[in-house]
Amino acid sequence: MTQQREPMRRSATDEDRMNLPEGKTCGNCVHARRCTMMFGHIPEDEVCDWAPSRFREAAQQAAP
């Protein structure tokens, strides 16, 4: 059974959180599939658990 959880949000006061760039979420990262399958992230998360953050924006596909 899969449980839904609230996304991890950016924090201006928690220095241990590795905030993603403004307006970006885990779903925008090239590593999103791996992190959601292996580490329990959800695409709506706004912080990265890797230290340092491994966020790299995924290439956008052109609409057909």
Protein backbone atom coordinates (compact mmCIF):
# COMPACT_ATOMS: atom_id res chain seq x y z
CA MET A 1 0.00 0.00 0.00
CA THR A 2 1.40 3.36 -1.02
CA GLN A 3 1.11 6.27 1.37
CA GLN A 4 0.85 9.85 0.17
CA ARG A 5 2.86 12.47 1.99
CA GLU A 6 3.22 16.22 1.86
CA PRO A 7 6.07 17.46 -0.36
CA MET A 8 9.26 18.61 1.35
CA ARG A 9 9.23 22.39 0.95
CA ARG A 10 12.08 24.90 0.68
CA SER A 11 13.24 26.48 3.90
CA ALA A 12 14.91 29.86 4.25
CA THR A 13 15.81 29.15 7.88
CA ASP A 14 17.01 25.51 7.80
CA GLU A 15 20.61 25.60 6.57
CA ASP A 16 20.76 21.79 6.35
CA ARG A 17 18.14 21.67 3.59
CA MET A 18 19.48 21.77 0.07
CA ASN A 19 16.79 23.87 -1.59
CA LEU A 20 16.28 23.39 -5.29
CA PRO A 21 16.32 26.48 -7.52
CA GLU A 22 13.25 28.68 -7.14
CA GLY A 23 10.31 27.29 -9.11
CA LYS A 24 11.92 23.84 -9.54
CA THR A 25 10.97 20.51 -7.97
CA CYS A 26 12.42 17.01 -7.98
CA GLY A 27 10.23 16.32 -11.01
CA ASN A 28 12.37 18.78 -13.01
CA CYS A 29 15.61 16.90 -12.27
CA VAL A 30 17.35 14.33 -14.47
CA HIS A 31 17.61 12.09 -11.39
CA ALA A 32 13.88 12.22 -10.51
CA ARG A 33 13.06 8.68 -11.57
CA ARG A 34 15.90 7.14 -9.57
CA CYS A 35 15.21 9.21 -6.44
CA THR A 36 11.49 8.50 -6.46
CA MET A 37 12.04 4.75 -6.91
CA MET A 38 14.97 4.26 -4.54
CA PHE A 39 14.78 7.00 -1.93
CA GLY A 40 11.07 7.76 -1.49
CA HIS A 41 11.07 11.24 -2.97
CA ILE A 42 8.03 12.52 -4.78
CA PRO A 43 8.18 14.77 -7.85
CA GLU A 44 6.74 17.70 -5.87
CA ASP A 45 9.66 17.85 -3.37
CA GLU A 46 11.53 21.17 -3.37
CA VAL A 47 14.69 19.99 -1.58
CA CYS A 48 17.41 17.49 -2.46
CA ASP A 49 18.71 14.89 0.00
CA TRP A 50 22.08 14.56 -1.71
CA ALA A 51 24.94 16.50 -0.17
CA PRO A 52 25.85 18.53 -2.08
CA SER A 53 22.67 18.76 -4.09
CA ARG A 54 22.84 16.78 -7.35
CA PHE A 55 19.99 18.69 -8.99
CA ARG A 56 20.42 19.02 -12.76
CA GLU A 57 17.50 20.23 -14.80
CA ALA A 58 16.18 17.66 -17.25
CA ALA A 59 16.12 18.59 -20.94
CA GLN A 60 12.70 19.72 -22.11
CA GLN A 61 11.18 17.71 -24.94
CA ALA A 62 9.62 19.61 -27.82
CA ALA A 63 5.90 19.07 -28.32
CA PRO A 64 5.10 17.01 -31.44
